[in-house]
């Protein structure tokens, strides 16, 4: 729950700070890429 709240605060800061928005976008992209890679690895291991 606390982690979610922290994420929400980060999201609000992200909305109001263009410089942070660029950094946040990179983080989201790398997270999505990581999840896709993880899914591919799981498919390979199965």
PDB file of N, CA and C in Angstrom:
ATOM      1  N   UNK A   1       0.848  -1.202   0.000  1.00  0.00           N
ATOM      2  CA  UNK A   1       0.000   0.000   0.000  1.00  0.00           C
ATOM      3  C   UNK A   1       0.883   1.252   0.000  1.00  0.00           C
ATOM      4  N   UNK A   2       1.904   1.229   0.821  1.00  0.00           N
ATOM      5  CA  UNK A   2       2.788   2.386   0.916  1.00  0.00           C
ATOM      6  C   UNK A   2       3.529   2.605  -0.414  1.00  0.00           C
ATOM      7  N   UNK A   3       3.889   1.506  -1.043  1.00  0.00           N
ATOM      8  CA  UNK A   3       4.587   1.601  -2.317  1.00  0.00           C
ATOM      9  C   UNK A   3       3.684   2.230  -3.370  1.00  0.00           C
ATOM     10  N   UNK A   4       2.412   1.860  -3.354  1.00  0.00           N
ATOM     11  CA  UNK A   4       1.449   2.438  -4.300  1.00  0.00           C
ATOM     12  C   UNK A   4       1.325   3.941  -4.082  1.00  0.00           C
ATOM     13  N   UNK A   5       1.271   4.348  -2.808  1.00  0.00           N
ATOM     14  CA  UNK A   5       1.152   5.769  -2.484  1.00  0.00           C
ATOM     15  C   UNK A   5       2.378   6.522  -2.984  1.00  0.00           C
ATOM     16  N   UNK A   6       3.544   5.917  -2.806  1.00  0.00           N
ATOM     17  CA  UNK A   6       4.787   6.526  -3.273  1.00  0.00           C
ATOM     18  C   UNK A   6       4.743   6.679  -4.793  1.00  0.00           C
ATOM     19  N   UNK A   7       4.231   5.646  -5.460  1.00  0.00           N
ATOM     20  CA  UNK A   7       4.118   5.692  -6.911  1.00  0.00           C
ATOM     21  C   UNK A   7       3.168   6.797  -7.364  1.00  0.00           C
ATOM     22  N   UNK A   8       2.080   6.986  -6.620  1.00  0.00           N
ATOM     23  CA  UNK A   8       1.104   8.021  -6.937  1.00  0.00           C
ATOM     24  C   UNK A   8       1.721   9.401  -6.782  1.00  0.00           C
ATOM     25  N   UNK A   9       2.507   9.583  -5.710  1.00  0.00           N
ATOM     26  CA  UNK A   9       3.192  10.859  -5.486  1.00  0.00           C
ATOM     27  C   UNK A   9       4.158  11.123  -6.630  1.00  0.00           C
ATOM     28  N   UNK A  10       4.901  10.081  -7.032  1.00  0.00           N
ATOM     29  CA  UNK A  10       5.840  10.211  -8.141  1.00  0.00           C
ATOM     30  C   UNK A  10       5.100  10.601  -9.414  1.00  0.00           C
ATOM     31  N   UNK A  11       3.926   9.995  -9.616  1.00  0.00           N
ATOM     32  CA  UNK A  11       3.132  10.285 -10.806  1.00  0.00           C
ATOM     33  C   UNK A  11       2.696  11.742 -10.822  1.00  0.00           C
ATOM     34  N   UNK A  12       2.285  12.270  -9.663  1.00  0.00           N
ATOM     35  CA  UNK A  12       1.852  13.670  -9.582  1.00  0.00           C
ATOM     36  C   UNK A  12       3.019  14.604  -9.859  1.00  0.00           C
ATOM     37  N   UNK A  13       4.187  14.269  -9.307  1.00  0.00           N
ATOM     38  CA  UNK A  13       5.385  15.080  -9.557  1.00  0.00           C
ATOM     39  C   UNK A  13       5.722  15.026 -11.045  1.00  0.00           C
ATOM     40  N   UNK A  14       5.597  13.824 -11.616  1.00  0.00           N
ATOM     41  CA  UNK A  14       5.904  13.588 -13.023  1.00  0.00           C
ATOM     42  C   UNK A  14       5.025  14.447 -13.924  1.00  0.00           C
ATOM     43  N   UNK A  15       3.758  14.614 -13.546  1.00  0.00           N
ATOM     44  CA  UNK A  15       2.830  15.417 -14.338  1.00  0.00           C
ATOM     45  C   UNK A  15       3.240  16.884 -14.373  1.00  0.00           C
ATOM     46  N   UNK A  16       3.839  17.350 -13.269  1.00  0.00           N
ATOM     47  CA  UNK A  16       4.150  18.780 -13.173  1.00  0.00           C
ATOM     48  C   UNK A  16       5.590  19.127 -13.525  1.00  0.00           C
ATOM     49  N   UNK A  17       6.423  18.131 -13.798  1.00  0.00           N
ATOM     50  CA  UNK A  17       7.822  18.404 -14.109  1.00  0.00           C
ATOM     51  C   UNK A  17       8.221  17.786 -15.449  1.00  0.00           C
ATOM     52  N   UNK A  18       8.370  18.612 -16.484  1.00  0.00           N
ATOM     53  CA  UNK A  18       8.725  18.118 -17.824  1.00  0.00           C
ATOM     54  C   UNK A  18      10.029  17.329 -17.831  1.00  0.00           C
ATOM     55  N   UNK A  19      11.017  17.792 -17.067  1.00  0.00           N
ATOM     56  CA  UNK A  19      12.310  17.109 -17.045  1.00  0.00           C
ATOM     57  C   UNK A  19      12.148  15.712 -16.448  1.00  0.00           C
ATOM     58  N   UNK A  20      11.351  15.628 -15.365  1.00  0.00           N
ATOM     59  CA  UNK A  20      11.082  14.332 -14.734  1.00  0.00           C
ATOM     60  C   UNK A  20      10.250  13.458 -15.660  1.00  0.00           C
ATOM     61  N   UNK A  21       9.401  14.084 -16.471  1.00  0.00           N
ATOM     62  CA  UNK A  21       8.537  13.337 -17.379  1.00  0.00           C
ATOM     63  C   UNK A  21       9.375  12.534 -18.373  1.00  0.00           C
ATOM     64  N   UNK A  22      10.437  13.145 -18.884  1.00  0.00           N
ATOM     65  CA  UNK A  22      11.316  12.456 -19.835  1.00  0.00           C
ATOM     66  C   UNK A  22      11.967  11.259 -19.152  1.00  0.00           C
ATOM     67  N   UNK A  23      12.446  11.477 -17.914  1.00  0.00           N
ATOM     68  CA  UNK A  23      13.085  10.404 -17.148  1.00  0.00           C
ATOM     69  C   UNK A  23      12.076   9.303 -16.838  1.00  0.00           C
ATOM     70  N   UNK A  24      10.860   9.715 -16.476  1.00  0.00           N
ATOM     71  CA  UNK A  24       9.802   8.759 -16.157  1.00  0.00           C
ATOM     72  C   UNK A  24       9.411   7.928 -17.365  1.00  0.00           C
ATOM     73  N   UNK A  25       9.364   8.572 -18.533  1.00  0.00           N
ATOM     74  CA  UNK A  25       9.021   7.853 -19.759  1.00  0.00           C
ATOM     75  C   UNK A  25      10.042   6.771 -20.044  1.00  0.00           C
ATOM     76  N   UNK A  26      11.317   7.113 -19.865  1.00  0.00           N
ATOM     77  CA  UNK A  26      12.385   6.132 -20.068  1.00  0.00           C
ATOM     78  C   UNK A  26      12.231   4.959 -19.118  1.00  0.00           C
ATOM     79  N   UNK A  27      11.846   5.251 -17.865  1.00  0.00           N
ATOM     80  CA  UNK A  27      11.659   4.206 -16.868  1.00  0.00           C
ATOM     81  C   UNK A  27      10.512   3.285 -17.263  1.00  0.00           C
ATOM     82  N   UNK A  28       9.399   3.890 -17.711  1.00  0.00           N
ATOM     83  CA  UNK A  28       8.230   3.100 -18.109  1.00  0.00           C
ATOM     84  C   UNK A  28       8.579   2.209 -19.300  1.00  0.00           C
ATOM     85  N   UNK A  29       9.305   2.779 -20.263  1.00  0.00           N
ATOM     86  CA  UNK A  29       9.697   2.012 -21.444  1.00  0.00           C
ATOM     87  C   UNK A  29      10.584   0.837 -21.068  1.00  0.00           C
ATOM     88  N   UNK A  30      11.566   1.080 -20.195  1.00  0.00           N
ATOM     89  CA  UNK A  30      12.468   0.006 -19.787  1.00  0.00           C
ATOM     90  C   UNK A  30      11.722  -1.046 -18.980  1.00  0.00           C
ATOM     91  N   UNK A  31      10.724  -0.614 -18.194  1.00  0.00           N
ATOM     92  CA  UNK A  31       9.922  -1.555 -17.405  1.00  0.00           C
ATOM     93  C   UNK A  31       9.116  -2.463 -18.329  1.00  0.00           C
ATOM     94  N   UNK A  32       8.472  -1.860 -19.349  1.00  0.00           N
ATOM     95  CA  UNK A  32       7.679  -2.632 -20.310  1.00  0.00           C
ATOM     96  C   UNK A  32       8.586  -3.599 -21.070  1.00  0.00           C
ATOM     97  N   UNK A  33       9.759  -3.097 -21.487  1.00  0.00           N
ATOM     98  CA  UNK A  33      10.718  -3.939 -22.203  1.00  0.00           C
ATOM     99  C   UNK A  33      11.164  -5.104 -21.325  1.00  0.00           C
ATOM    100  N   UNK A  34      11.405  -4.814 -20.041  1.00  0.00           N
ATOM    101  CA  UNK A  34      11.811  -5.847 -19.090  1.00  0.00           C
ATOM    102  C   UNK A  34      10.735  -6.911 -18.930  1.00  0.00           C
ATOM    103  N   UNK A  35       9.473  -6.469 -18.858  1.00  0.00           N
ATOM    104  CA  UNK A  35       8.362  -7.416 -18.706  1.00  0.00           C
ATOM    105  C   UNK A  35       8.224  -8.302 -19.940  1.00  0.00           C
ATOM    106  N   UNK A  36       8.410  -7.709 -21.124  1.00  0.00           N
ATOM    107  CA  UNK A  36       8.333  -8.477 -22.370  1.00  0.00           C
ATOM    108  C   UNK A  36       9.462  -9.502 -22.414  1.00  0.00           C
ATOM    109  N   UNK A  37      10.675  -9.061 -22.046  1.00  0.00           N
ATOM    110  CA  UNK A  37      11.831  -9.960 -22.032  1.00  0.00           C
ATOM    111  C   UNK A  37      11.606 -11.101 -21.049  1.00  0.00           C
ATOM    112  N   UNK A  38      11.055 -10.775 -19.880  1.00  0.00           N
ATOM    113  CA  UNK A  38      10.764 -11.790 -18.862  1.00  0.00           C
ATOM    114  C   UNK A  38       9.742 -12.795 -19.387  1.00  0.00           C
ATOM    115  N   UNK A  39       8.706 -12.286 -20.058  1.00  0.00           N
ATOM    116  CA  UNK A  39       7.687 -13.158 -20.625  1.00  0.00           C
ATOM    117  C   UNK A  39       8.267 -14.082 -21.685  1.00  0.00           C
ATOM    118  N   UNK A  40       9.186 -13.554 -22.511  1.00  0.00           N
ATOM    119  CA  UNK A  40       9.834 -14.361 -23.539  1.00  0.00           C
ATOM    120  C   UNK A  40      10.684 -15.451 -22.898  1.00  0.00           C
ATOM    121  N   UNK A  41      11.421 -15.081 -21.837  1.00  0.00           N
ATOM    122  CA  UNK A  41      12.269 -16.049 -21.141  1.00  0.00           C
ATOM    123  C   UNK A  41      11.425 -17.162 -20.537  1.00  0.00           C
ATOM    124  N   UNK A  42      10.287 -16.799 -19.958  1.00  0.00           N
ATOM    125  CA  UNK A  42       9.406 -17.802 -19.349  1.00  0.00           C
ATOM    126  C   UNK A  42       8.878 -18.750 -20.421  1.00  0.00           C
ATOM    127  N   UNK A  43       8.551 -18.202 -21.588  1.00  0.00           N
ATOM    128  CA  UNK A  43       8.056 -19.027 -22.692  1.00  0.00           C
ATOM    129  C   UNK A  43       9.152 -19.989 -23.160  1.00  0.00           C
ATOM    130  N   UNK A  44      10.388 -19.497 -23.204  1.00  0.00           N
ATOM    131  CA  UNK A  44      11.523 -20.329 -23.636  1.00  0.00           C
ATOM    132  C   UNK A  44      11.784 -21.434 -22.616  1.00  0.00           C
ATOM    133  N   UNK A  45      11.730 -21.080 -21.325  1.00  0.00           N
ATOM    134  CA  UNK A  45      12.006 -22.055 -20.266  1.00  0.00           C
ATOM    135  C   UNK A  45      10.919 -23.120 -20.179  1.00  0.00           C
ATOM    136  N   UNK A  46       9.701 -22.773 -20.541  1.00  0.00           N
ATOM    137  CA  UNK A  46       8.610 -23.751 -20.521  1.00  0.00           C
ATOM    138  C   UNK A  46       8.714 -24.606 -21.775  1.00  0.00           C
TER     139      UNK A  46
END
